[in-house]
Amino acid sequence: MFIHDTVTDFTDNYLPTIDYLKKYYEKHASHFEEYFRFHCHNVDEKMKMAIQKHKEKISALIQIKDKMPKLISDIARNYEQMYEITFTKDVHLIVGLYGSNAFTYQQIIQKLHFA
């Protein structure tokens, strides 16, 4: 299991503009392909609304961004020990457009994203 963290890039370079969001999503396109194709519709409209929400939540994102990878690793390790399973799929930490807090790709447990 590998944790792909795009949240740190988002918070380190954050600007409350649509242009910034577009560049962030473009830069991390491989992590957002399924998100925009299957999960997040009406992207232009949601981007406009997300600007204010991101401004309100940026301090929370900064606080949690360094904790999430360790929490996910700890939880995965505990589950692996308790249930004798191995997590082999990657985890993607992303800043989305407020469609949902987590989603899985269309196939059975192929990719897991936390927004």
PDB file of N, CA and C in Angstrom:
ATOM      1  N   MET A   1       0.849  -1.184   0.000  1.00  0.00           N
ATOM      2  CA  MET A   1       0.000   0.000   0.000  1.00  0.00           C
ATOM      3  C   MET A   1       0.891   1.242   0.000  1.00  0.00           C
ATOM      4  N   PHE A   2       0.588   2.122  -0.906  1.00  0.00           N
ATOM      5  CA  PHE A   2       1.312   3.391  -0.959  1.00  0.00           C
ATOM      6  C   PHE A   2       0.301   4.516  -0.780  1.00  0.00           C
ATOM      7  N   ILE A   3       0.655   5.523  -0.002  1.00  0.00           N
ATOM      8  CA  ILE A   3      -0.233   6.664   0.232  1.00  0.00           C
ATOM      9  C   ILE A   3       0.233   7.823  -0.634  1.00  0.00           C
ATOM     10  N   HIS A   4      -0.618   8.233  -1.557  1.00  0.00           N
ATOM     11  CA  HIS A   4      -0.342   9.373  -2.436  1.00  0.00           C
ATOM     12  C   HIS A   4      -0.956  10.614  -1.789  1.00  0.00           C
ATOM     13  N   ASP A   5      -0.145  11.543  -1.388  1.00  0.00           N
ATOM     14  CA  ASP A   5      -0.612  12.750  -0.693  1.00  0.00           C
ATOM     15  C   ASP A   5      -0.550  13.955  -1.629  1.00  0.00           C
ATOM     16  N   THR A   6      -1.708  14.414  -2.090  1.00  0.00           N
ATOM     17  CA  THR A   6      -1.749  15.650  -2.882  1.00  0.00           C
ATOM     18  C   THR A   6      -2.205  16.824  -2.027  1.00  0.00           C
ATOM     19  N   VAL A   7      -2.611  16.539  -0.793  1.00  0.00           N
ATOM     20  CA  VAL A   7      -3.117  17.591   0.097  1.00  0.00           C
ATOM     21  C   VAL A   7      -1.997  18.551   0.491  1.00  0.00           C
ATOM     22  N   THR A   8      -0.812  18.023   0.752  1.00  0.00           N
ATOM     23  CA  THR A   8       0.314  18.879   1.135  1.00  0.00           C
ATOM     24  C   THR A   8       0.620  19.889   0.037  1.00  0.00           C
ATOM     25  N   ASP A   9       0.627  19.442  -1.207  1.00  0.00           N
ATOM     26  CA  ASP A   9       0.853  20.367  -2.319  1.00  0.00           C
ATOM     27  C   ASP A   9      -0.249  21.427  -2.358  1.00  0.00           C
ATOM     28  N   PHE A  10      -1.490  20.993  -2.131  1.00  0.00           N
ATOM     29  CA  PHE A  10      -2.611  21.938  -2.138  1.00  0.00           C
ATOM     30  C   PHE A  10      -2.423  23.013  -1.069  1.00  0.00           C
ATOM     31  N   THR A  11      -2.128  22.597   0.154  1.00  0.00           N
ATOM     32  CA  THR A  11      -2.022  23.563   1.255  1.00  0.00           C
ATOM     33  C   THR A  11      -0.760  24.416   1.158  1.00  0.00           C
ATOM     34  N   ASP A  12       0.325  23.841   0.683  1.00  0.00           N
ATOM     35  CA  ASP A  12       1.579  24.600   0.583  1.00  0.00           C
ATOM     36  C   ASP A  12       1.522  25.710  -0.461  1.00  0.00           C
ATOM     37  N   ASN A  13       0.705  25.536  -1.477  1.00  0.00           N
ATOM     38  CA  ASN A  13       0.659  26.491  -2.586  1.00  0.00           C
ATOM     39  C   ASN A  13      -0.696  27.168  -2.735  1.00  0.00           C
ATOM     40  N   TYR A  14      -1.561  27.014  -1.760  1.00  0.00           N
ATOM     41  CA  TYR A  14      -2.965  27.406  -1.860  1.00  0.00           C
ATOM     42  C   TYR A  14      -3.196  28.869  -2.251  1.00  0.00           C
ATOM     43  N   LEU A  15      -4.078  29.027  -3.210  1.00  0.00           N
ATOM     44  CA  LEU A  15      -4.636  30.325  -3.601  1.00  0.00           C
ATOM     45  C   LEU A  15      -6.134  30.116  -3.806  1.00  0.00           C
ATOM     46  N   PRO A  16      -6.976  30.980  -3.277  1.00  0.00           N
ATOM     47  CA  PRO A  16      -8.426  30.788  -3.394  1.00  0.00           C
ATOM     48  C   PRO A  16      -8.965  31.248  -4.757  1.00  0.00           C
ATOM     49  N   THR A  17      -8.506  30.588  -5.817  1.00  0.00           N
ATOM     50  CA  THR A  17      -8.953  30.953  -7.162  1.00  0.00           C
ATOM     51  C   THR A  17      -9.297  29.698  -7.962  1.00  0.00           C
ATOM     52  N   ILE A  18     -10.152  29.871  -8.925  1.00  0.00           N
ATOM     53  CA  ILE A  18     -10.497  28.762  -9.815  1.00  0.00           C
ATOM     54  C   ILE A  18      -9.275  28.348 -10.627  1.00  0.00           C
ATOM     55  N   ASP A  19      -8.481  29.314 -11.044  1.00  0.00           N
ATOM     56  CA  ASP A  19      -7.272  29.002 -11.799  1.00  0.00           C
ATOM     57  C   ASP A  19      -6.352  28.094 -10.982  1.00  0.00           C
ATOM     58  N   TYR A  20      -6.204  28.388  -9.688  1.00  0.00           N
ATOM     59  CA  TYR A  20      -5.371  27.541  -8.833  1.00  0.00           C
ATOM     60  C   TYR A  20      -5.936  26.120  -8.763  1.00  0.00           C
ATOM     61  N   LEU A  21      -7.256  26.000  -8.572  1.00  0.00           N
ATOM     62  CA  LEU A  21      -7.866  24.668  -8.506  1.00  0.00           C
ATOM     63  C   LEU A  21      -7.618  23.889  -9.793  1.00  0.00           C
ATOM     64  N   LYS A  22      -7.811  24.545 -10.919  1.00  0.00           N
ATOM     65  CA  LYS A  22      -7.602  23.869 -12.203  1.00  0.00           C
ATOM     66  C   LYS A  22      -6.158  23.390 -12.342  1.00  0.00           C
ATOM     67  N   LYS A  23      -5.210  24.220 -11.936  1.00  0.00           N
ATOM     68  CA  LYS A  23      -3.793  23.832 -12.022  1.00  0.00           C
ATOM     69  C   LYS A  23      -3.473  22.680 -11.065  1.00  0.00           C
ATOM     70  N   TYR A  24      -4.045  22.710  -9.872  1.00  0.00           N
ATOM     71  CA  TYR A  24      -3.849  21.629  -8.900  1.00  0.00           C
ATOM     72  C   TYR A  24      -4.393  20.313  -9.458  1.00  0.00           C
ATOM     73  N   TYR A  25      -5.611  20.343 -10.004  1.00  0.00           N
ATOM     74  CA  TYR A  25      -6.204  19.124 -10.552  1.00  0.00           C
ATOM     75  C   TYR A  25      -5.447  18.642 -11.784  1.00  0.00           C
ATOM     76  N   GLU A  26      -4.951  19.556 -12.572  1.00  0.00           N
ATOM     77  CA  GLU A  26      -4.150  19.202 -13.746  1.00  0.00           C
ATOM     78  C   GLU A  26      -2.824  18.562 -13.323  1.00  0.00           C
ATOM     79  N   LYS A  27      -2.175  19.166 -12.343  1.00  0.00           N
ATOM     80  CA  LYS A  27      -0.883  18.666 -11.860  1.00  0.00           C
ATOM     81  C   LYS A  27      -1.006  17.246 -11.312  1.00  0.00           C
ATOM     82  N   HIS A  28      -2.128  16.957 -10.684  1.00  0.00           N
ATOM     83  CA  HIS A  28      -2.346  15.650 -10.057  1.00  0.00           C
ATOM     84  C   HIS A  28      -3.427  14.863 -10.799  1.00  0.00           C
ATOM     85  N   ALA A  29      -3.453  15.012 -12.105  1.00  0.00           N
ATOM     86  CA  ALA A  29      -4.524  14.431 -12.926  1.00  0.00           C
ATOM     87  C   ALA A  29      -4.706  12.931 -12.703  1.00  0.00           C
ATOM     88  N   SER A  30      -3.633  12.204 -12.522  1.00  0.00           N
ATOM     89  CA  SER A  30      -3.766  10.752 -12.354  1.00  0.00           C
ATOM     90  C   SER A  30      -4.531  10.385 -11.084  1.00  0.00           C
ATOM     91  N   HIS A  31      -4.511  11.249 -10.090  1.00  0.00           N
ATOM     92  CA  HIS A  31      -5.220  10.980  -8.836  1.00  0.00           C
ATOM     93  C   HIS A  31      -6.684  11.416  -8.899  1.00  0.00           C
ATOM     94  N   PHE A  32      -7.022  12.200  -9.898  1.00  0.00           N
ATOM     95  CA  PHE A  32      -8.377  12.737 -10.003  1.00  0.00           C
ATOM     96  C   PHE A  32      -9.172  12.191 -11.182  1.00  0.00           C
ATOM     97  N   GLU A  33      -8.563  11.329 -11.974  1.00  0.00           N
ATOM     98  CA  GLU A  33      -9.228  10.839 -13.179  1.00  0.00           C
ATOM     99  C   GLU A  33     -10.593  10.220 -12.867  1.00  0.00           C
ATOM    100  N   GLU A  34     -10.636   9.258 -11.958  1.00  0.00           N
ATOM    101  CA  GLU A  34     -11.899   8.608 -11.606  1.00  0.00           C
ATOM    102  C   GLU A  34     -12.819   9.559 -10.852  1.00  0.00           C
ATOM    103  N   TYR A  35     -12.246  10.418 -10.038  1.00  0.00           N
ATOM    104  CA  TYR A  35     -13.040  11.379  -9.260  1.00  0.00           C
ATOM    105  C   TYR A  35     -13.906  12.227 -10.179  1.00  0.00           C
ATOM    106  N   PHE A  36     -13.295  12.807 -11.202  1.00  0.00           N
ATOM    107  CA  PHE A  36     -14.058  13.675 -12.096  1.00  0.00           C
ATOM    108  C   PHE A  36     -14.887  12.883 -13.100  1.00  0.00           C
ATOM    109  N   ARG A  37     -14.435  11.730 -13.512  1.00  0.00           N
ATOM    110  CA  ARG A  37     -15.179  10.956 -14.502  1.00  0.00           C
ATOM    111  C   ARG A  37     -16.437  10.325 -13.908  1.00  0.00           C
ATOM    112  N   PHE A  38     -16.335   9.772 -12.697  1.00  0.00           N
ATOM    113  CA  PHE A  38     -17.441   9.000 -12.150  1.00  0.00           C
ATOM    114  C   PHE A  38     -18.113   9.612 -10.927  1.00  0.00           C
ATOM    115  N   HIS A  39     -17.409  10.418 -10.186  1.00  0.00           N
ATOM    116  CA  HIS A  39     -17.920  10.826  -8.880  1.00  0.00           C
ATOM    117  C   HIS A  39     -18.340  12.287  -8.811  1.00  0.00           C
ATOM    118  N   CYS A  40     -17.561  13.175  -9.361  1.00  0.00           N
ATOM    119  CA  CYS A  40     -17.812  14.610  -9.222  1.00  0.00           C
ATOM    120  C   CYS A  40     -18.289  15.182 -10.557  1.00  0.00           C
ATOM    121  N   HIS A  41     -19.560  15.485 -10.613  1.00  0.00           N
ATOM    122  CA  HIS A  41     -20.150  16.048 -11.825  1.00  0.00           C
ATOM    123  C   HIS A  41     -20.395  17.544 -11.618  1.00  0.00           C
ATOM    124  N   ASN A  42     -20.714  18.259 -12.671  1.00  0.00           N
ATOM    125  CA  ASN A  42     -20.928  19.717 -12.610  1.00  0.00           C
ATOM    126  C   ASN A  42     -19.700  20.417 -12.035  1.00  0.00           C
ATOM    127  N   VAL A  43     -18.552  20.088 -12.573  1.00  0.00           N
ATOM    128  CA  VAL A  43     -17.269  20.529 -12.024  1.00  0.00           C
ATOM    129  C   VAL A  43     -17.149  22.052 -11.968  1.00  0.00           C
ATOM    130  N   ASP A  44     -17.513  22.746 -13.042  1.00  0.00           N
ATOM    131  CA  ASP A  44     -17.363  24.206 -13.048  1.00  0.00           C
ATOM    132  C   ASP A  44     -18.184  24.853 -11.940  1.00  0.00           C
ATOM    133  N   GLU A  45     -19.401  24.389 -11.784  1.00  0.00           N
ATOM    134  CA  GLU A  45     -20.278  24.920 -10.728  1.00  0.00           C
ATOM    135  C   GLU A  45     -19.717  24.598  -9.341  1.00  0.00           C
ATOM    136  N   LYS A  46     -19.256  23.363  -9.165  1.00  0.00           N
ATOM    137  CA  LYS A  46     -18.717  22.965  -7.862  1.00  0.00           C
ATOM    138  C   LYS A  46     -17.423  23.702  -7.534  1.00  0.00           C
ATOM    139  N   MET A  47     -16.609  23.983  -8.551  1.00  0.00           N
ATOM    140  CA  MET A  47     -15.372  24.738  -8.304  1.00  0.00           C
ATOM    141  C   MET A  47     -15.685  26.109  -7.737  1.00  0.00           C
ATOM    142  N   LYS A  48     -16.665  26.772  -8.314  1.00  0.00           N
ATOM    143  CA  LYS A  48     -17.035  28.108  -7.829  1.00  0.00           C
ATOM    144  C   LYS A  48     -17.461  28.050  -6.364  1.00  0.00           C
ATOM    145  N   MET A  49     -18.273  27.060  -6.022  1.00  0.00           N
ATOM    146  CA  MET A  49     -18.749  26.935  -4.638  1.00  0.00           C
ATOM    147  C   MET A  49     -17.639  26.475  -3.692  1.00  0.00           C
ATOM    148  N   ALA A  50     -16.705  25.683  -4.209  1.00  0.00           N
ATOM    149  CA  ALA A  50     -15.638  25.142  -3.362  1.00  0.00           C
ATOM    150  C   ALA A  50     -14.638  26.202  -2.923  1.00  0.00           C
ATOM    151  N   ILE A  51     -14.496  27.269  -3.693  1.00  0.00           N
ATOM    152  CA  ILE A  51     -13.535  28.325  -3.335  1.00  0.00           C
ATOM    153  C   ILE A  51     -13.785  28.804  -1.907  1.00  0.00           C
ATOM    154  N   GLN A  52     -15.014  29.137  -1.584  1.00  0.00           N
ATOM    155  CA  GLN A  52     -15.340  29.616  -0.237  1.00  0.00           C
ATOM    156  C   GLN A  52     -15.146  28.511   0.805  1.00  0.00           C
ATOM    157  N   LYS A  53     -15.566  27.306   0.475  1.00  0.00           N
ATOM    158  CA  LYS A  53     -15.422  26.201   1.424  1.00  0.00           C
ATOM    159  C   LYS A  53     -13.951  25.901   1.707  1.00  0.00           C
ATOM    160  N   HIS A  54     -13.128  25.940   0.668  1.00  0.00           N
ATOM    161  CA  HIS A  54     -11.694  25.709   0.883  1.00  0.00           C
ATOM    162  C   HIS A  54     -11.099  26.798   1.776  1.00  0.00           C
ATOM    163  N   LYS A  55     -11.508  28.043   1.541  1.00  0.00           N
ATOM    164  CA  LYS A  55     -11.004  29.141   2.395  1.00  0.00           C
ATOM    165  C   LYS A  55     -11.345  28.881   3.854  1.00  0.00           C
ATOM    166  N   GLU A  56     -12.558  28.401   4.088  1.00  0.00           N
ATOM    167  CA  GLU A  56     -13.002  28.139   5.461  1.00  0.00           C
ATOM    168  C   GLU A  56     -12.282  26.945   6.084  1.00  0.00           C
ATOM    169  N   LYS A  57     -11.860  25.996   5.278  1.00  0.00           N
ATOM    170  CA  LYS A  57     -11.291  24.744   5.792  1.00  0.00           C
ATOM    171  C   LYS A  57      -9.776  24.631   5.663  1.00  0.00           C
ATOM    172  N   ILE A  58      -9.121  25.632   5.091  1.00  0.00           N
ATOM    173  CA  ILE A  58      -7.683  25.508   4.832  1.00  0.00           C
ATOM    174  C   ILE A  58      -6.882  25.261   6.117  1.00  0.00           C
ATOM    175  N   SER A  59      -7.249  25.907   7.209  1.00  0.00           N
ATOM    176  CA  SER A  59      -6.495  25.683   8.454  1.00  0.00           C
ATOM    177  C   SER A  59      -6.685  24.251   8.953  1.00  0.00           C
ATOM    178  N   ALA A  60      -7.872  23.696   8.796  1.00  0.00           N
ATOM    179  CA  ALA A  60      -8.107  22.304   9.186  1.00  0.00           C
ATOM    180  C   ALA A  60      -7.324  21.348   8.283  1.00  0.00           C
ATOM    181  N   LEU A  61      -7.262  21.662   6.994  1.00  0.00           N
ATOM    182  CA  LEU A  61      -6.476  20.837   6.072  1.00  0.00           C
ATOM    183  C   LEU A  61      -5.001  20.846   6.466  1.00  0.00           C
ATOM    184  N   ILE A  62      -4.507  22.010   6.826  1.00  0.00           N
ATOM    185  CA  ILE A  62      -3.103  22.128   7.239  1.00  0.00           C
ATOM    186  C   ILE A  62      -2.852  21.299   8.498  1.00  0.00           C
ATOM    187  N   GLN A  63      -3.792  21.329   9.434  1.00  0.00           N
ATOM    188  CA  GLN A  63      -3.617  20.577  10.684  1.00  0.00           C
ATOM    189  C   GLN A  63      -3.639  19.068  10.460  1.00  0.00           C
ATOM    190  N   ILE A  64      -4.503  18.593   9.573  1.00  0.00           N
ATOM    191  CA  ILE A  64      -4.685  17.149   9.420  1.00  0.00           C
ATOM    192  C   ILE A  64      -3.764  16.518   8.380  1.00  0.00           C
ATOM    193  N   LYS A  65      -3.223  17.305   7.461  1.00  0.00           N
ATOM    194  CA  LYS A  65      -2.475  16.733   6.326  1.00  0.00           C
ATOM    195  C   LYS A  65      -1.295  15.870   6.758  1.00  0.00           C
ATOM    196  N   ASP A  66      -0.620  16.239   7.816  1.00  0.00           N
ATOM    197  CA  ASP A  66       0.527  15.455   8.272  1.00  0.00           C
ATOM    198  C   ASP A  66       0.112  14.248   9.112  1.00  0.00           C
ATOM    199  N   LYS A  67      -1.089  14.280   9.645  1.00  0.00           N
ATOM    200  CA  LYS A  67      -1.559  13.186  10.499  1.00  0.00           C
ATOM    201  C   LYS A  67      -2.175  12.037   9.704  1.00  0.00           C
ATOM    202  N   MET A  68      -2.829  12.349   8.591  1.00  0.00           N
ATOM    203  CA  MET A  68      -3.570  11.331   7.841  1.00  0.00           C
ATOM    204  C   MET A  68      -2.715  10.153   7.376  1.00  0.00           C
ATOM    205  N   PRO A  69      -1.561  10.373   6.756  1.00  0.00           N
ATOM    206  CA  PRO A  69      -0.783   9.207   6.311  1.00  0.00           C
ATOM    207  C   PRO A  69      -0.433   8.253   7.457  1.00  0.00           C
ATOM    208  N   LYS A  70      -0.044   8.793   8.599  1.00  0.00           N
ATOM    209  CA  LYS A  70       0.290   7.937   9.741  1.00  0.00           C
ATOM    210  C   LYS A  70      -0.948   7.210  10.258  1.00  0.00           C
ATOM    211  N   LEU A  71      -2.076   7.920  10.356  1.00  0.00           N
ATOM    212  CA  LEU A  71      -3.311   7.279  10.817  1.00  0.00           C
ATOM    213  C   LEU A  71      -3.714   6.135   9.890  1.00  0.00           C
ATOM    214  N   ILE A  72      -3.660   6.380   8.603  1.00  0.00           N
ATOM    215  CA  ILE A  72      -4.030   5.343   7.635  1.00  0.00           C
ATOM    216  C   ILE A  72      -3.075   4.158   7.738  1.00  0.00           C
ATOM    217  N   SER A  73      -1.786   4.421   7.832  1.00  0.00           N
ATOM    218  CA  SER A  73      -0.798   3.339   7.966  1.00  0.00           C
ATOM    219  C   SER A  73      -1.020   2.543   9.245  1.00  0.00           C
ATOM    220  N   ASP A  74      -1.273   3.238  10.345  1.00  0.00           N
ATOM    221  CA  ASP A  74      -1.515   2.562  11.627  1.00  0.00           C
ATOM    222  C   ASP A  74      -2.767   1.692  11.562  1.00  0.00           C
ATOM    223  N   ILE A  75      -3.834   2.227  10.998  1.00  0.00           N
ATOM    224  CA  ILE A  75      -5.085   1.465  10.883  1.00  0.00           C
ATOM    225  C   ILE A  75      -4.877   0.248   9.988  1.00  0.00           C
ATOM    226  N   ALA A  76      -4.213   0.433   8.855  1.00  0.00           N
ATOM    227  CA  ALA A  76      -3.956  -0.689   7.947  1.00  0.00           C
ATOM    228  C   ALA A  76      -3.126  -1.764   8.645  1.00  0.00           C
ATOM    229  N   ARG A  77      -2.088  -1.348   9.343  1.00  0.00           N
ATOM    230  CA  ARG A  77      -1.228  -2.301  10.055  1.00  0.00           C
ATOM    231  C   ARG A  77      -2.035  -3.069  11.110  1.00  0.00           C
ATOM    232  N   ASN A  78      -2.873  -2.375  11.868  1.00  0.00           N
ATOM    233  CA  ASN A  78      -3.695  -3.038  12.881  1.00  0.00           C
ATOM    234  C   ASN A  78      -4.656  -4.049  12.250  1.00  0.00           C
ATOM    235  N   TYR A  79      -5.301  -3.661  11.158  1.00  0.00           N
ATOM    236  CA  TYR A  79      -6.202  -4.585  10.467  1.00  0.00           C
ATOM    237  C   TYR A  79      -5.436  -5.793   9.932  1.00  0.00           C
ATOM    238  N   GLU A  80      -4.253  -5.551   9.380  1.00  0.00           N
ATOM    239  CA  GLU A  80      -3.457  -6.653   8.843  1.00  0.00           C
ATOM    240  C   GLU A  80      -3.095  -7.648   9.941  1.00  0.00           C
ATOM    241  N   GLN A  81      -2.770  -7.144  11.124  1.00  0.00           N
ATOM    242  CA  GLN A  81      -2.421  -8.022  12.239  1.00  0.00           C
ATOM    243  C   GLN A  81      -3.649  -8.752  12.781  1.00  0.00           C
ATOM    244  N   MET A  82      -4.769  -8.045  12.917  1.00  0.00           N
ATOM    245  CA  MET A  82      -5.971  -8.653  13.494  1.00  0.00           C
ATOM    246  C   MET A  82      -6.631  -9.668  12.564  1.00  0.00           C
ATOM    247  N   TYR A  83      -6.642  -9.376  11.274  1.00  0.00           N
ATOM    248  CA  TYR A  83      -7.418 -10.187  10.338  1.00  0.00           C
ATOM    249  C   TYR A  83      -6.563 -10.952   9.329  1.00  0.00           C
ATOM    250  N   GLU A  84      -5.247 -10.894   9.485  1.00  0.00           N
ATOM    251  CA  GLU A  84      -4.330 -11.607   8.601  1.00  0.00           C
ATOM    252  C   GLU A  84      -4.622 -11.314   7.127  1.00  0.00           C
ATOM    253  N   ILE A  85      -4.745 -10.032   6.833  1.00  0.00           N
ATOM    254  CA  ILE A  85      -4.931  -9.577   5.459  1.00  0.00           C
ATOM    255  C   ILE A  85      -3.801  -8.611   5.123  1.00  0.00           C
ATOM    256  N   THR A  86      -3.632  -8.343   3.853  1.00  0.00           N
ATOM    257  CA  THR A  86      -2.619  -7.391   3.418  1.00  0.00           C
ATOM    258  C   THR A  86      -3.274  -6.361   2.514  1.00  0.00           C
ATOM    259  N   PHE A  87      -3.095  -5.104   2.845  1.00  0.00           N
ATOM    260  CA  PHE A  87      -3.598  -4.030   1.994  1.00  0.00           C
ATOM    261  C   PHE A  87      -2.581  -3.799   0.880  1.00  0.00           C
ATOM    262  N   THR A  88      -3.006  -4.019  -0.342  1.00  0.00           N
ATOM    263  CA  THR A  88      -2.097  -3.876  -1.477  1.00  0.00           C
ATOM    264  C   THR A  88      -2.461  -2.697  -2.369  1.00  0.00           C
ATOM    265  N   LYS A  89      -3.620  -2.127  -2.182  1.00  0.00           N
ATOM    266  CA  LYS A  89      -4.073  -1.027  -3.040  1.00  0.00           C
ATOM    267  C   LYS A  89      -3.617   0.309  -2.477  1.00  0.00           C
ATOM    268  N   ASP A  90      -3.356   1.226  -3.377  1.00  0.00           N
ATOM    269  CA  ASP A  90      -2.905   2.556  -2.978  1.00  0.00           C
ATOM    270  C   ASP A  90      -4.041   3.396  -2.414  1.00  0.00           C
ATOM    271  N   VAL A  91      -3.666   4.353  -1.595  1.00  0.00           N
ATOM    272  CA  VAL A  91      -4.601   5.318  -1.018  1.00  0.00           C
ATOM    273  C   VAL A  91      -4.236   6.690  -1.576  1.00  0.00           C
ATOM    274  N   HIS A  92      -5.242   7.469  -1.944  1.00  0.00           N
ATOM    275  CA  HIS A  92      -5.025   8.798  -2.516  1.00  0.00           C
ATOM    276  C   HIS A  92      -5.653   9.841  -1.593  1.00  0.00           C
ATOM    277  N   LEU A  93      -4.847  10.748  -1.072  1.00  0.00           N
ATOM    278  CA  LEU A  93      -5.351  11.852  -0.264  1.00  0.00           C
ATOM    279  C   LEU A  93      -5.475  13.056  -1.185  1.00  0.00           C
ATOM    280  N   ILE A  94      -6.706  13.541  -1.340  1.00  0.00           N
ATOM    281  CA  ILE A  94      -6.978  14.603  -2.306  1.00  0.00           C
ATOM    282  C   ILE A  94      -7.816  15.701  -1.675  1.00  0.00           C
ATOM    283  N   VAL A  95      -7.800  16.865  -2.295  1.00  0.00           N
ATOM    284  CA  VAL A  95      -8.718  17.945  -1.931  1.00  0.00           C
ATOM    285  C   VAL A  95      -9.723  18.025  -3.068  1.00  0.00           C
ATOM    286  N   GLY A  96     -10.939  17.625  -2.775  1.00  0.00           N
ATOM    287  CA  GLY A  96     -11.974  17.578  -3.796  1.00  0.00           C
ATOM    288  C   GLY A  96     -12.838  18.824  -3.809  1.00  0.00           C
ATOM    289  N   LEU A  97     -14.026  18.643  -4.362  1.00  0.00           N
ATOM    290  CA  LEU A  97     -14.959  19.765  -4.523  1.00  0.00           C
ATOM    291  C   LEU A  97     -16.223  19.561  -3.696  1.00  0.00           C
ATOM    292  N   TYR A  98     -16.100  18.893  -2.573  1.00  0.00           N
ATOM    293  CA  TYR A  98     -17.189  18.718  -1.616  1.00  0.00           C
ATOM    294  C   TYR A  98     -18.334  17.881  -2.156  1.00  0.00           C
ATOM    295  N   GLY A  99     -17.984  16.796  -2.850  1.00  0.00           N
ATOM    296  CA  GLY A  99     -19.005  15.852  -3.286  1.00  0.00           C
ATOM    297  C   GLY A  99     -19.208  14.762  -2.245  1.00  0.00           C
ATOM    298  N   SER A 100     -18.125  14.392  -1.548  1.00  0.00           N
ATOM    299  CA  SER A 100     -18.170  13.313  -0.573  1.00  0.00           C
ATOM    300  C   SER A 100     -16.850  13.315   0.196  1.00  0.00           C
ATOM    301  N   ASN A 101     -16.806  12.626   1.317  1.00  0.00           N
ATOM    302  CA  ASN A 101     -15.573  12.563   2.098  1.00  0.00           C
ATOM    303  C   ASN A 101     -14.660  11.424   1.685  1.00  0.00           C
ATOM    304  N   ALA A 102     -15.224  10.382   1.121  1.00  0.00           N
ATOM    305  CA  ALA A 102     -14.414   9.259   0.655  1.00  0.00           C
ATOM    306  C   ALA A 102     -15.193   8.528  -0.423  1.00  0.00           C
ATOM    307  N   PHE A 103     -14.471   7.922  -1.337  1.00  0.00           N
ATOM    308  CA  PHE A 103     -15.140   7.122  -2.347  1.00  0.00           C
ATOM    309  C   PHE A 103     -14.190   6.057  -2.840  1.00  0.00           C
ATOM    310  N   THR A 104     -14.759   5.012  -3.389  1.00  0.00           N
ATOM    311  CA  THR A 104     -13.946   3.977  -4.011  1.00  0.00           C
ATOM    312  C   THR A 104     -14.219   3.994  -5.495  1.00  0.00           C
ATOM    313  N   TYR A 105     -13.239   3.610  -6.247  1.00  0.00           N
ATOM    314  CA  TYR A 105     -13.375   3.532  -7.693  1.00  0.00           C
ATOM    315  C   TYR A 105     -14.388   2.443  -8.034  1.00  0.00           C
ATOM    316  N   GLN A 106     -14.883   2.428  -9.238  1.00  0.00           N
ATOM    317  CA  GLN A 106     -15.988   1.576  -9.653  1.00  0.00           C
ATOM    318  C   GLN A 106     -15.737   0.078  -9.508  1.00  0.00           C
ATOM    319  N   GLN A 107     -14.514  -0.354  -9.526  1.00  0.00           N
ATOM    320  CA  GLN A 107     -14.238  -1.767  -9.364  1.00  0.00           C
ATOM    321  C   GLN A 107     -14.160  -2.078  -7.874  1.00  0.00           C
ATOM    322  N   ILE A 108     -14.212  -3.315  -7.535  1.00  0.00           N
ATOM    323  CA  ILE A 108     -14.206  -3.702  -6.126  1.00  0.00           C
ATOM    324  C   ILE A 108     -12.848  -3.381  -5.508  1.00  0.00           C
ATOM    325  N   ILE A 109     -12.845  -2.401  -4.620  1.00  0.00           N
ATOM    326  CA  ILE A 109     -11.682  -1.995  -3.832  1.00  0.00           C
ATOM    327  C   ILE A 109     -10.409  -1.859  -4.677  1.00  0.00           C
ATOM    328  N   GLN A 110     -10.501  -1.223  -5.807  1.00  0.00           N
ATOM    329  CA  GLN A 110      -9.306  -1.003  -6.615  1.00  0.00           C
ATOM    330  C   GLN A 110      -8.503   0.188  -6.113  1.00  0.00           C
ATOM    331  N   LYS A 111      -9.186   1.268  -5.801  1.00  0.00           N
ATOM    332  CA  LYS A 111      -8.510   2.458  -5.300  1.00  0.00           C
ATOM    333  C   LYS A 111      -9.406   3.097  -4.256  1.00  0.00           C
ATOM    334  N   LEU A 112      -8.805   3.677  -3.256  1.00  0.00           N
ATOM    335  CA  LEU A 112      -9.558   4.364  -2.220  1.00  0.00           C
ATOM    336  C   LEU A 112      -9.064   5.792  -2.142  1.00  0.00           C
ATOM    337  N   HIS A 113     -10.001   6.728  -2.152  1.00  0.00           N
ATOM    338  CA  HIS A 113      -9.659   8.154  -2.098  1.00  0.00           C
ATOM    339  C   HIS A 113     -10.305   8.780  -0.862  1.00  0.00           C
ATOM    340  N   PHE A 114      -9.568   9.606  -0.165  1.00  0.00           N
ATOM    341  CA  PHE A 114     -10.105  10.403   0.926  1.00  0.00           C
ATOM    342  C   PHE A 114     -10.015  11.856   0.510  1.00  0.00           C
ATOM    343  N   ALA A 115     -11.140  12.555   0.534  1.00  0.00           N
ATOM    344  CA  ALA A 115     -11.165  13.961   0.132  1.00  0.00           C
ATOM    345  C   ALA A 115     -11.350  14.834   1.358  1.00  0.00           C
TER     346      ALA A 115
END
